[in-house]
Amino acid sequence: MNKPNRIQAGLLCMGVAINLTAQEYTTAPGASDNIVPPTPEWVAKITELAPAKATVQPGAPRRILLFSLATGFKHKVIPHASEVVKVLGTKSGAYTVVESNDIEMFSAEKLKTFDAVVLNNTCPKREYRNMFLDVLADTPEVERNKRAAELEQSLLDFVRTGKGLVALHGAIAVQNNSPEFSEMMGGSFDFHPKRQSVTLDLVDPDHPLAAGFHGKGFIHDDEPYLFKNAYAKKNFRPLLEMNVGKLDEQTRKNPKVAGEVRYVAWIKGYGKGRVFYCGPSHQPESYETAAMLQFVLDGIQYALGDLPCDDSPIK
């Protein structure tokens, strides 16, 4: 018999009969060490694999701000993820996209024209771990700090009052040292071991946002992200869990990795709004699967408020 996972173990303790058959997995194409910008052929492949229609018809026309500025580490997957977000919206009709890397788009006046914001691998510099401070580096210090705080508060208020936020992979670090931003996001970036094959298990195969995986886990090459700050509370609804036992030996033996459940994707409410964090992926190949594309679309539709589902934390 297979070893039960955490949820299964709890059910067994309560005397609930469950099926411990072997987990099946969808495996993404092998990852390349040389990530090249997305070609028309790559975009065509994503378009073919993308869902033909939205899971839920939008209640009204939806408008998304897609922000892909990285002032720190620049993931080479940024343009690929950008194409994915645009293709999903165009093909499904779930939303339209406005692209901008101008931080002034986060002013309250401009944000109010959007239904959700997608942060695409918006990694800041390590010095401050604050995207706004990085961009305002040439501004006098007092004015710089004041404007950076205003823009962060504007984004917090945007979500709190009923809008949506989607963060892809490295975007969780965008305001990494801000306690309130960590609360909204569900955690802050801590570190990651080297890129390797990562096995993801479905926390709840019956959850609506897991539907695209059809009950199967997901195997792909990725950076196994570890989180800190608000993550310790796990005040979110986890969707994908990293199977630590299947990481490489060096990673498994790292005391900072073992001994705690490691979620890599979740949803959560924040005030009246909604947050979707999608840790996958560091590699374009992860998006070359219908399962991951459906997952991203459904997560965006949740953030927009069109796909209502249980986002309460699991105990």
C-alpha atoms as a PDB file:
ATOM      1  CA  MET A   1       0.000   0.000   0.000  1.00  0.00           C
ATOM      2  CA  ASN A   2       1.195   3.516  -0.745  1.00  0.00           C
ATOM      3  CA  LYS A   3       2.038   5.793   2.144  1.00  0.00           C
ATOM      4  CA  PRO A   4      -0.945   8.124   2.792  1.00  0.00           C
ATOM      5  CA  ASN A   5      -0.489  11.869   2.412  1.00  0.00           C
ATOM      6  CA  ARG A   6      -1.405  14.323   5.174  1.00  0.00           C
ATOM      7  CA  ILE A   7      -5.059  14.616   4.239  1.00  0.00           C
ATOM      8  CA  GLN A   8      -5.424  10.856   3.798  1.00  0.00           C
ATOM      9  CA  ALA A   9      -3.724  10.195   7.128  1.00  0.00           C
ATOM     10  CA  GLY A  10      -6.205  12.475   8.871  1.00  0.00           C
ATOM     11  CA  LEU A  11      -9.137  10.715   7.247  1.00  0.00           C
ATOM     12  CA  LEU A  12      -7.768   7.325   8.234  1.00  0.00           C
ATOM     13  CA  CYS A  13      -7.499   8.471  11.841  1.00  0.00           C
ATOM     14  CA  MET A  14     -11.198   9.333  11.711  1.00  0.00           C
ATOM     15  CA  GLY A  15     -12.036   5.917  10.349  1.00  0.00           C
ATOM     16  CA  VAL A  16     -12.916   7.173   6.866  1.00  0.00           C
ATOM     17  CA  ALA A  17     -12.326   4.625   4.108  1.00  0.00           C
ATOM     18  CA  ILE A  18     -10.229   5.977   1.253  1.00  0.00           C
ATOM     19  CA  ASN A  19      -8.593   4.601  -1.863  1.00  0.00           C
ATOM     20  CA  LEU A  20      -4.808   4.679  -1.650  1.00  0.00           C
ATOM     21  CA  THR A  21      -4.150   3.734  -5.247  1.00  0.00           C
ATOM     22  CA  ALA A  22      -0.978   4.989  -6.888  1.00  0.00           C
ATOM     23  CA  GLN A  23      -0.974   8.647  -7.877  1.00  0.00           C
ATOM     24  CA  GLU A  24      -0.918   9.326 -11.623  1.00  0.00           C
ATOM     25  CA  TYR A  25       0.930  12.277 -13.081  1.00  0.00           C
ATOM     26  CA  THR A  26       0.990  14.512 -16.125  1.00  0.00           C
ATOM     27  CA  THR A  27       4.593  15.189 -17.131  1.00  0.00           C
ATOM     28  CA  ALA A  28       5.621  18.401 -18.867  1.00  0.00           C
ATOM     29  CA  PRO A  29       8.092  18.292 -21.773  1.00  0.00           C
ATOM     30  CA  GLY A  30      11.754  18.154 -20.816  1.00  0.00           C
ATOM     31  CA  ALA A  31      13.193  21.538 -19.884  1.00  0.00           C
ATOM     32  CA  SER A  32      15.898  23.277 -21.883  1.00  0.00           C
ATOM     33  CA  ASP A  33      18.877  24.934 -20.216  1.00  0.00           C
ATOM     34  CA  ASN A  34      18.843  27.547 -22.971  1.00  0.00           C
ATOM     35  CA  ILE A  35      15.582  29.482 -22.710  1.00  0.00           C
ATOM     36  CA  VAL A  36      14.994  31.494 -25.873  1.00  0.00           C
ATOM     37  CA  PRO A  37      12.293  34.162 -26.346  1.00  0.00           C
ATOM     38  CA  PRO A  38       8.907  32.814 -27.413  1.00  0.00           C
ATOM     39  CA  THR A  39       8.701  32.230 -31.151  1.00  0.00           C
ATOM     40  CA  PRO A  40       5.516  32.464 -33.226  1.00  0.00           C
ATOM     41  CA  GLU A  41       5.589  28.660 -33.328  1.00  0.00           C
ATOM     42  CA  TRP A  42       5.714  28.483 -29.531  1.00  0.00           C
ATOM     43  CA  VAL A  43       2.799  30.893 -29.195  1.00  0.00           C
ATOM     44  CA  ALA A  44       0.853  28.855 -31.755  1.00  0.00           C
ATOM     45  CA  LYS A  45       1.492  25.716 -29.690  1.00  0.00           C
ATOM     46  CA  ILE A  46       0.222  27.412 -26.539  1.00  0.00           C
ATOM     47  CA  THR A  47      -2.813  28.681 -28.425  1.00  0.00           C
ATOM     48  CA  GLU A  48      -3.649  25.160 -29.591  1.00  0.00           C
ATOM     49  CA  LEU A  49      -3.304  23.718 -26.058  1.00  0.00           C
ATOM     50  CA  ALA A  50      -5.194  26.535 -24.333  1.00  0.00           C
ATOM     51  CA  PRO A  51      -8.821  26.002 -23.269  1.00  0.00           C
ATOM     52  CA  ALA A  52     -11.276  26.764 -26.048  1.00  0.00           C
ATOM     53  CA  LYS A  53     -13.597  28.642 -23.721  1.00  0.00           C
ATOM     54  CA  ALA A  54     -13.751  30.052 -20.243  1.00  0.00           C
ATOM     55  CA  THR A  55     -14.722  27.676 -17.453  1.00  0.00           C
ATOM     56  CA  VAL A  56     -17.294  30.268 -16.370  1.00  0.00           C
ATOM     57  CA  GLN A  57     -18.726  32.974 -18.585  1.00  0.00           C
ATOM     58  CA  PRO A  58     -17.677  36.358 -17.143  1.00  0.00           C
ATOM     59  CA  GLY A  59     -20.401  38.290 -15.401  1.00  0.00           C
ATOM     60  CA  ALA A  60     -19.192  41.388 -17.231  1.00  0.00           C
ATOM     61  CA  PRO A  61     -16.269  42.341 -19.516  1.00  0.00           C
ATOM     62  CA  ARG A  62     -13.089  41.880 -17.475  1.00  0.00           C
ATOM     63  CA  ARG A  63      -9.918  43.957 -17.759  1.00  0.00           C
ATOM     64  CA  ILE A  64      -6.535  42.822 -16.459  1.00  0.00           C
ATOM     65  CA  LEU A  65      -3.329  44.783 -15.882  1.00  0.00           C
ATOM     66  CA  LEU A  66      -0.362  42.588 -16.834  1.00  0.00           C
ATOM     67  CA  PHE A  67       2.810  43.844 -15.143  1.00  0.00           C
ATOM     68  CA  SER A  68       6.105  42.096 -15.961  1.00  0.00           C
ATOM     69  CA  LEU A  69       8.862  44.425 -14.729  1.00  0.00           C
ATOM     70  CA  ALA A  70      11.795  42.794 -12.920  1.00  0.00           C
ATOM     71  CA  THR A  71      14.328  45.129 -11.325  1.00  0.00           C
ATOM     72  CA  GLY A  72      16.220  42.227  -9.739  1.00  0.00           C
ATOM     73  CA  PHE A  73      16.598  38.715 -11.139  1.00  0.00           C
ATOM     74  CA  LYS A  74      15.075  38.560 -14.596  1.00  0.00           C
ATOM     75  CA  HIS A  75      13.485  35.193 -15.252  1.00  0.00           C
ATOM     76  CA  LYS A  76      13.845  34.252 -18.892  1.00  0.00           C
ATOM     77  CA  VAL A  77      10.337  32.825 -18.745  1.00  0.00           C
ATOM     78  CA  ILE A  78       8.808  36.305 -18.328  1.00  0.00           C
ATOM     79  CA  PRO A  79       7.906  36.796 -22.008  1.00  0.00           C
ATOM     80  CA  HIS A  80       6.516  33.261 -22.198  1.00  0.00           C
ATOM     81  CA  ALA A  81       4.283  33.780 -19.161  1.00  0.00           C
ATOM     82  CA  SER A  82       3.141  37.068 -20.648  1.00  0.00           C
ATOM     83  CA  GLU A  83       2.124  35.323 -23.863  1.00  0.00           C
ATOM     84  CA  VAL A  84       0.310  32.646 -21.852  1.00  0.00           C
ATOM     85  CA  VAL A  85      -1.795  35.241 -19.994  1.00  0.00           C
ATOM     86  CA  LYS A  86      -2.683  36.987 -23.258  1.00  0.00           C
ATOM     87  CA  VAL A  87      -3.470  33.794 -25.165  1.00  0.00           C
ATOM     88  CA  LEU A  88      -5.698  32.479 -22.373  1.00  0.00           C
ATOM     89  CA  GLY A  89      -7.710  35.676 -22.314  1.00  0.00           C
ATOM     90  CA  THR A  90      -8.003  36.028 -26.079  1.00  0.00           C
ATOM     91  CA  LYS A  91      -8.948  32.424 -26.843  1.00  0.00           C
ATOM     92  CA  SER A  92     -11.371  31.962 -23.952  1.00  0.00           C
ATOM     93  CA  GLY A  93     -12.870  35.445 -24.000  1.00  0.00           C
ATOM     94  CA  ALA A  94     -12.550  35.557 -20.207  1.00  0.00           C
ATOM     95  CA  TYR A  95     -10.750  38.913 -20.097  1.00  0.00           C
ATOM     96  CA  THR A  96      -8.782  41.508 -22.031  1.00  0.00           C
ATOM     97  CA  VAL A  97      -5.203  42.463 -21.171  1.00  0.00           C
ATOM     98  CA  VAL A  98      -3.486  45.805 -20.815  1.00  0.00           C
ATOM     99  CA  GLU A  99       0.311  45.471 -20.579  1.00  0.00           C
ATOM    100  CA  SER A 100       2.407  48.054 -18.792  1.00  0.00           C
ATOM    101  CA  ASN A 101       5.619  48.184 -16.775  1.00  0.00           C
ATOM    102  CA  ASP A 102       4.952  51.685 -15.459  1.00  0.00           C
ATOM    103  CA  ILE A 103       4.624  51.606 -11.666  1.00  0.00           C
ATOM    104  CA  GLU A 104       2.293  54.600 -11.846  1.00  0.00           C
ATOM    105  CA  MET A 105      -0.321  52.140 -13.101  1.00  0.00           C
ATOM    106  CA  PHE A 106      -0.596  51.152  -9.443  1.00  0.00           C
ATOM    107  CA  SER A 107      -1.957  54.546  -8.474  1.00  0.00           C
ATOM    108  CA  ALA A 108      -5.505  54.306  -7.157  1.00  0.00           C
ATOM    109  CA  GLU A 109      -6.873  56.349 -10.039  1.00  0.00           C
ATOM    110  CA  LYS A 110      -5.475  54.010 -12.690  1.00  0.00           C
ATOM    111  CA  LEU A 111      -6.043  50.756 -10.836  1.00  0.00           C
ATOM    112  CA  LYS A 112      -9.768  51.381 -10.537  1.00  0.00           C
ATOM    113  CA  THR A 113     -10.152  50.730 -14.269  1.00  0.00           C
ATOM    114  CA  PHE A 114      -9.045  47.093 -13.819  1.00  0.00           C
ATOM    115  CA  ASP A 115     -10.673  43.995 -12.357  1.00  0.00           C
ATOM    116  CA  ALA A 116      -7.397  42.223 -11.531  1.00  0.00           C
ATOM    117  CA  VAL A 117      -3.626  42.615 -11.680  1.00  0.00           C
ATOM    118  CA  VAL A 118      -1.283  39.873 -12.899  1.00  0.00           C
ATOM    119  CA  LEU A 119       2.269  40.175 -11.547  1.00  0.00           C
ATOM    120  CA  ASN A 120       4.562  38.212 -13.840  1.00  0.00           C
ATOM    121  CA  ASN A 121       7.857  37.274 -12.142  1.00  0.00           C
ATOM    122  CA  THR A 122       8.269  40.783 -10.770  1.00  0.00           C
ATOM    123  CA  CYS A 123      11.452  40.111  -8.827  1.00  0.00           C
ATOM    124  CA  PRO A 124      12.977  43.168  -7.094  1.00  0.00           C
ATOM    125  CA  LYS A 125      16.585  43.730  -6.118  1.00  0.00           C
ATOM    126  CA  ARG A 126      17.801  41.997  -2.975  1.00  0.00           C
ATOM    127  CA  GLU A 127      18.759  45.214  -1.183  1.00  0.00           C
ATOM    128  CA  TYR A 128      15.189  46.254  -0.414  1.00  0.00           C
ATOM    129  CA  ARG A 129      13.018  43.507  -1.943  1.00  0.00           C
ATOM    130  CA  ASN A 130      10.705  46.351  -2.883  1.00  0.00           C
ATOM    131  CA  MET A 131       9.804  46.939  -6.528  1.00  0.00           C
ATOM    132  CA  PHE A 132       8.655  50.505  -5.998  1.00  0.00           C
ATOM    133  CA  LEU A 133      11.811  51.587  -4.162  1.00  0.00           C
ATOM    134  CA  ASP A 134      13.898  50.078  -6.965  1.00  0.00           C
ATOM    135  CA  VAL A 135      12.144  52.038  -9.699  1.00  0.00           C
ATOM    136  CA  LEU A 136      12.226  55.270  -7.673  1.00  0.00           C
ATOM    137  CA  ALA A 137      15.962  54.965  -6.943  1.00  0.00           C
ATOM    138  CA  ASP A 138      16.765  58.406  -8.386  1.00  0.00           C
ATOM    139  CA  THR A 139      14.049  60.157  -6.362  1.00  0.00           C
ATOM    140  CA  PRO A 140      15.031  62.027  -3.163  1.00  0.00           C
ATOM    141  CA  GLU A 141      14.795  59.631  -0.227  1.00  0.00           C
ATOM    142  CA  VAL A 142      11.842  61.146   1.640  1.00  0.00           C
ATOM    143  CA  GLU A 143       9.757  61.483  -1.514  1.00  0.00           C
ATOM    144  CA  ARG A 144      10.894  58.055  -2.671  1.00  0.00           C
ATOM    145  CA  ASN A 145       9.799  56.297   0.506  1.00  0.00           C
ATOM    146  CA  LYS A 146       6.502  58.176   0.576  1.00  0.00           C
ATOM    147  CA  ARG A 147       5.603  57.348  -3.041  1.00  0.00           C
ATOM    148  CA  ALA A 148       6.654  53.701  -2.702  1.00  0.00           C
ATOM    149  CA  ALA A 149       4.429  53.336   0.373  1.00  0.00           C
ATOM    150  CA  GLU A 150       1.514  54.996  -1.446  1.00  0.00           C
ATOM    151  CA  LEU A 151       1.749  52.656  -4.427  1.00  0.00           C
ATOM    152  CA  GLU A 152       1.960  49.572  -2.230  1.00  0.00           C
ATOM    153  CA  GLN A 153      -1.047  50.735  -0.199  1.00  0.00           C
ATOM    154  CA  SER A 154      -2.959  51.400  -3.407  1.00  0.00           C
ATOM    155  CA  LEU A 155      -2.438  47.808  -4.543  1.00  0.00           C
ATOM    156  CA  LEU A 156      -3.396  46.462  -1.111  1.00  0.00           C
ATOM    157  CA  ASP A 157      -6.575  48.566  -1.137  1.00  0.00           C
ATOM    158  CA  PHE A 158      -7.349  47.488  -4.711  1.00  0.00           C
ATOM    159  CA  VAL A 159      -7.553  43.853  -3.635  1.00  0.00           C
ATOM    160  CA  ARG A 160      -9.056  44.473  -0.206  1.00  0.00           C
ATOM    161  CA  THR A 161     -12.025  46.324  -1.687  1.00  0.00           C
ATOM    162  CA  GLY A 162     -12.990  43.485  -4.004  1.00  0.00           C
ATOM    163  CA  LYS A 163     -10.572  43.126  -6.908  1.00  0.00           C
ATOM    164  CA  GLY A 164      -8.132  40.343  -7.810  1.00  0.00           C
ATOM    165  CA  LEU A 165      -4.394  39.670  -7.746  1.00  0.00           C
ATOM    166  CA  VAL A 166      -2.511  36.922  -9.577  1.00  0.00           C
ATOM    167  CA  ALA A 167       1.184  36.333  -8.853  1.00  0.00           C
ATOM    168  CA  LEU A 168       3.234  34.068 -11.103  1.00  0.00           C
ATOM    169  CA  HIS A 169       6.344  32.276  -9.784  1.00  0.00           C
ATOM    170  CA  GLY A 170       8.903  34.900  -8.661  1.00  0.00           C
ATOM    171  CA  ALA A 171       6.267  37.616  -8.308  1.00  0.00           C
ATOM    172  CA  ILE A 172       5.705  36.600  -4.695  1.00  0.00           C
ATOM    173  CA  ALA A 173       8.916  38.501  -3.870  1.00  0.00           C
ATOM    174  CA  VAL A 174       7.730  41.829  -5.295  1.00  0.00           C
ATOM    175  CA  GLN A 175       7.267  43.464  -1.836  1.00  0.00           C
ATOM    176  CA  ASN A 176       8.961  40.704   0.111  1.00  0.00           C
ATOM    177  CA  ASN A 177       9.748  42.576   3.319  1.00  0.00           C
ATOM    178  CA  SER A 178       6.293  44.073   3.751  1.00  0.00           C
ATOM    179  CA  PRO A 179       4.303  42.274   6.498  1.00  0.00           C
ATOM    180  CA  GLU A 180       0.942  43.389   5.102  1.00  0.00           C
ATOM    181  CA  PHE A 181       1.840  42.403   1.551  1.00  0.00           C
ATOM    182  CA  SER A 182       2.927  39.006   2.843  1.00  0.00           C
ATOM    183  CA  GLU A 183      -0.446  38.669   4.590  1.00  0.00           C
ATOM    184  CA  MET A 184      -2.258  39.479   1.365  1.00  0.00           C
ATOM    185  CA  MET A 185      -0.114  37.185  -0.757  1.00  0.00           C
ATOM    186  CA  GLY A 186      -0.088  34.286   1.689  1.00  0.00           C
ATOM    187  CA  GLY A 187       3.663  34.288   2.191  1.00  0.00           C
ATOM    188  CA  SER A 188       7.014  35.725   1.159  1.00  0.00           C
ATOM    189  CA  PHE A 189       9.875  34.216  -0.812  1.00  0.00           C
ATOM    190  CA  ASP A 190      12.571  32.601   1.333  1.00  0.00           C
ATOM    191  CA  PHE A 191      14.939  30.676  -0.959  1.00  0.00           C
ATOM    192  CA  HIS A 192      15.087  27.907  -3.518  1.00  0.00           C
ATOM    193  CA  PRO A 193      17.465  24.996  -4.119  1.00  0.00           C
ATOM    194  CA  LYS A 194      18.737  24.336  -7.633  1.00  0.00           C
ATOM    195  CA  ARG A 195      16.373  23.741 -10.523  1.00  0.00           C
ATOM    196  CA  GLN A 196      15.331  20.118 -10.773  1.00  0.00           C
ATOM    197  CA  SER A 197      12.436  17.787 -11.474  1.00  0.00           C
ATOM    198  CA  VAL A 198       9.603  18.727  -9.113  1.00  0.00           C
ATOM    199  CA  THR A 199       6.611  16.488  -8.431  1.00  0.00           C
ATOM    200  CA  LEU A 200       3.396  18.263  -7.487  1.00  0.00           C
ATOM    201  CA  ASP A 201       0.474  16.498  -5.838  1.00  0.00           C
ATOM    202  CA  LEU A 202      -3.107  17.772  -5.846  1.00  0.00           C
ATOM    203  CA  VAL A 203      -4.128  18.797  -2.352  1.00  0.00           C
ATOM    204  CA  ASP A 204      -7.799  18.262  -3.184  1.00  0.00           C
ATOM    205  CA  PRO A 205      -8.456  16.641  -6.591  1.00  0.00           C
ATOM    206  CA  ASP A 206     -12.133  17.604  -6.303  1.00  0.00           C
ATOM    207  CA  HIS A 207     -11.509  21.319  -5.888  1.00  0.00           C
ATOM    208  CA  PRO A 208     -12.811  23.311  -8.892  1.00  0.00           C
ATOM    209  CA  LEU A 209      -9.401  24.873  -9.538  1.00  0.00           C
ATOM    210  CA  ALA A 210      -7.821  21.407  -9.750  1.00  0.00           C
ATOM    211  CA  ALA A 211     -10.231  20.295 -12.470  1.00  0.00           C
ATOM    212  CA  GLY A 212      -7.741  20.863 -15.287  1.00  0.00           C
ATOM    213  CA  PHE A 213      -5.442  18.185 -13.876  1.00  0.00           C
ATOM    214  CA  HIS A 214      -8.182  15.504 -14.097  1.00  0.00           C
ATOM    215  CA  GLY A 215      -7.103  13.926 -10.839  1.00  0.00           C
ATOM    216  CA  LYS A 216      -3.447  13.656 -11.840  1.00  0.00           C
ATOM    217  CA  GLY A 217      -0.418  15.273 -10.241  1.00  0.00           C
ATOM    218  CA  PHE A 218       2.089  17.274 -12.264  1.00  0.00           C
ATOM    219  CA  ILE A 219       5.799  16.680 -12.881  1.00  0.00           C
ATOM    220  CA  HIS A 220       7.983  19.388 -14.381  1.00  0.00           C
ATOM    221  CA  ASP A 221      11.351  21.094 -14.059  1.00  0.00           C
ATOM    222  CA  ASP A 222      11.205  24.032 -11.678  1.00  0.00           C
ATOM    223  CA  GLU A 223      12.897  25.889  -8.866  1.00  0.00           C
ATOM    224  CA  PRO A 224      11.458  24.373  -5.667  1.00  0.00           C
ATOM    225  CA  TYR A 225      10.416  27.574  -3.903  1.00  0.00           C
ATOM    226  CA  LEU A 226      10.339  27.797  -0.105  1.00  0.00           C
ATOM    227  CA  PHE A 227       8.413  30.539   1.699  1.00  0.00           C
ATOM    228  CA  LYS A 228       8.460  32.486   4.962  1.00  0.00           C
ATOM    229  CA  ASN A 229       6.642  35.200   6.936  1.00  0.00           C
ATOM    230  CA  ALA A 230       2.848  34.855   6.498  1.00  0.00           C
ATOM    231  CA  TYR A 231       3.318  31.411   4.941  1.00  0.00           C
ATOM    232  CA  ALA A 232       3.764  29.981   8.450  1.00  0.00           C
ATOM    233  CA  LYS A 233       0.075  30.705   9.124  1.00  0.00           C
ATOM    234  CA  LYS A 234      -1.016  28.922   5.922  1.00  0.00           C
ATOM    235  CA  ASN A 235      -4.005  31.215   5.837  1.00  0.00           C
ATOM    236  CA  PHE A 236      -4.953  30.125   2.330  1.00  0.00           C
ATOM    237  CA  ARG A 237      -6.548  27.283   0.389  1.00  0.00           C
ATOM    238  CA  PRO A 238      -3.644  25.184  -0.949  1.00  0.00           C
ATOM    239  CA  LEU A 239      -4.003  23.660  -4.403  1.00  0.00           C
ATOM    240  CA  LEU A 240      -0.635  22.092  -5.255  1.00  0.00           C
ATOM    241  CA  GLU A 241       1.829  20.513  -2.825  1.00  0.00           C
ATOM    242  CA  MET A 242       5.468  19.833  -3.625  1.00  0.00           C
ATOM    243  CA  ASN A 243       6.415  16.211  -2.938  1.00  0.00           C
ATOM    244  CA  VAL A 244       9.610  16.798  -0.968  1.00  0.00           C
ATOM    245  CA  GLY A 245      10.409  13.089  -0.930  1.00  0.00           C
ATOM    246  CA  LYS A 246      10.943  13.164  -4.696  1.00  0.00           C
ATOM    247  CA  LEU A 247      13.391  16.078  -4.758  1.00  0.00           C
ATOM    248  CA  ASP A 248      17.089  15.347  -5.212  1.00  0.00           C
ATOM    249  CA  GLU A 249      19.018  13.984  -2.232  1.00  0.00           C
ATOM    250  CA  GLN A 250      20.864  17.207  -1.448  1.00  0.00           C
ATOM    251  CA  THR A 251      17.592  19.146  -1.301  1.00  0.00           C
ATOM    252  CA  ARG A 252      15.829  16.489   0.763  1.00  0.00           C
ATOM    253  CA  LYS A 253      18.597  16.597   3.363  1.00  0.00           C
ATOM    254  CA  ASN A 254      18.428  20.375   3.732  1.00  0.00           C
ATOM    255  CA  PRO A 255      16.919  20.935   7.205  1.00  0.00           C
ATOM    256  CA  LYS A 256      15.183  24.069   5.929  1.00  0.00           C
ATOM    257  CA  VAL A 257      13.295  21.986   3.363  1.00  0.00           C
ATOM    258  CA  ALA A 258      12.255  18.863   5.247  1.00  0.00           C
ATOM    259  CA  GLY A 259       9.788  18.654   8.066  1.00  0.00           C
ATOM    260  CA  GLU A 260       7.028  20.946   6.799  1.00  0.00           C
ATOM    261  CA  VAL A 261       4.347  20.737   4.145  1.00  0.00           C
ATOM    262  CA  ARG A 262       5.446  22.662   1.049  1.00  0.00           C
ATOM    263  CA  TYR A 263       2.639  24.198  -0.962  1.00  0.00           C
ATOM    264  CA  VAL A 264       3.454  25.936  -4.251  1.00  0.00           C
ATOM    265  CA  ALA A 265       0.039  27.192  -5.392  1.00  0.00           C
ATOM    266  CA  TRP A 266      -2.938  28.497  -3.463  1.00  0.00           C
ATOM    267  CA  ILE A 267      -5.892  30.879  -3.398  1.00  0.00           C
ATOM    268  CA  LYS A 268      -7.061  33.121  -0.588  1.00  0.00           C
ATOM    269  CA  GLY A 269      -9.449  35.871   0.221  1.00  0.00           C
ATOM    270  CA  TYR A 270      -8.126  39.274   1.237  1.00  0.00           C
ATOM    271  CA  GLY A 271     -10.847  41.603   2.462  1.00  0.00           C
ATOM    272  CA  LYS A 272     -13.466  41.476  -0.275  1.00  0.00           C
ATOM    273  CA  GLY A 273     -10.891  40.497  -2.907  1.00  0.00           C
ATOM    274  CA  ARG A 274      -9.112  37.364  -4.083  1.00  0.00           C
ATOM    275  CA  VAL A 275      -5.485  36.271  -4.541  1.00  0.00           C
ATOM    276  CA  PHE A 276      -4.140  33.425  -6.689  1.00  0.00           C
ATOM    277  CA  TYR A 277      -0.490  32.436  -6.312  1.00  0.00           C
ATOM    278  CA  CYS A 278       0.883  30.070  -8.946  1.00  0.00           C
ATOM    279  CA  GLY A 279       4.432  28.952  -8.141  1.00  0.00           C
ATOM    280  CA  PRO A 280       4.976  27.005 -11.373  1.00  0.00           C
ATOM    281  CA  SER A 281       7.013  27.749 -13.358  1.00  0.00           C
ATOM    282  CA  HIS A 282      10.597  28.745 -13.973  1.00  0.00           C
ATOM    283  CA  GLN A 283      10.497  26.982 -17.350  1.00  0.00           C
ATOM    284  CA  PRO A 284       8.442  27.643 -20.516  1.00  0.00           C
ATOM    285  CA  GLU A 285       7.914  23.913 -20.962  1.00  0.00           C
ATOM    286  CA  SER A 286       5.607  23.787 -17.937  1.00  0.00           C
ATOM    287  CA  TYR A 287       3.105  25.846 -19.912  1.00  0.00           C
ATOM    288  CA  GLU A 288       3.256  23.414 -22.816  1.00  0.00           C
ATOM    289  CA  THR A 289       0.565  21.286 -21.193  1.00  0.00           C
ATOM    290  CA  ALA A 290      -3.207  21.648 -21.341  1.00  0.00           C
ATOM    291  CA  ALA A 291      -3.369  20.927 -17.602  1.00  0.00           C
ATOM    292  CA  MET A 292      -1.216  23.878 -16.542  1.00  0.00           C
ATOM    293  CA  LEU A 293      -2.904  26.240 -18.985  1.00  0.00           C
ATOM    294  CA  GLN A 294      -6.332  25.309 -17.643  1.00  0.00           C
ATOM    295  CA  PHE A 295      -5.049  25.752 -14.085  1.00  0.00           C
ATOM    296  CA  VAL A 296      -3.758  29.252 -14.808  1.00  0.00           C
ATOM    297  CA  LEU A 297      -6.963  30.295 -16.583  1.00  0.00           C
ATOM    298  CA  ASP A 298      -9.127  28.991 -13.752  1.00  0.00           C
ATOM    299  CA  GLY A 299      -6.951  30.762 -11.190  1.00  0.00           C
ATOM    300  CA  ILE A 300      -7.291  34.036 -13.077  1.00  0.00           C
ATOM    301  CA  GLN A 301     -11.057  33.575 -13.326  1.00  0.00           C
ATOM    302  CA  TYR A 302     -11.157  32.988  -9.570  1.00  0.00           C
ATOM    303  CA  ALA A 303      -9.196  36.205  -8.976  1.00  0.00           C
ATOM    304  CA  LEU A 304     -11.597  38.074 -11.249  1.00  0.00           C
ATOM    305  CA  GLY A 305     -14.516  36.840  -9.186  1.00  0.00           C
ATOM    306  CA  ASP A 306     -16.095  34.845 -12.000  1.00  0.00           C
ATOM    307  CA  LEU A 307     -15.206  31.392 -10.694  1.00  0.00           C
ATOM    308  CA  PRO A 308     -16.414  31.231  -7.099  1.00  0.00           C
ATOM    309  CA  CYS A 309     -15.015  28.354  -5.067  1.00  0.00           C
ATOM    310  CA  ASP A 310     -13.951  27.447  -1.563  1.00  0.00           C
ATOM    311  CA  ASP A 311     -10.911  29.538  -0.627  1.00  0.00           C
ATOM    312  CA  SER A 312     -11.088  28.913   3.113  1.00  0.00           C
ATOM    313  CA  PRO A 313      -7.886  27.627   4.743  1.00  0.00           C
ATOM    314  CA  ILE A 314      -7.787  23.885   5.350  1.00  0.00           C
ATOM    315  CA  LYS A 315      -7.182  22.789   8.904  1.00  0.00           C
END
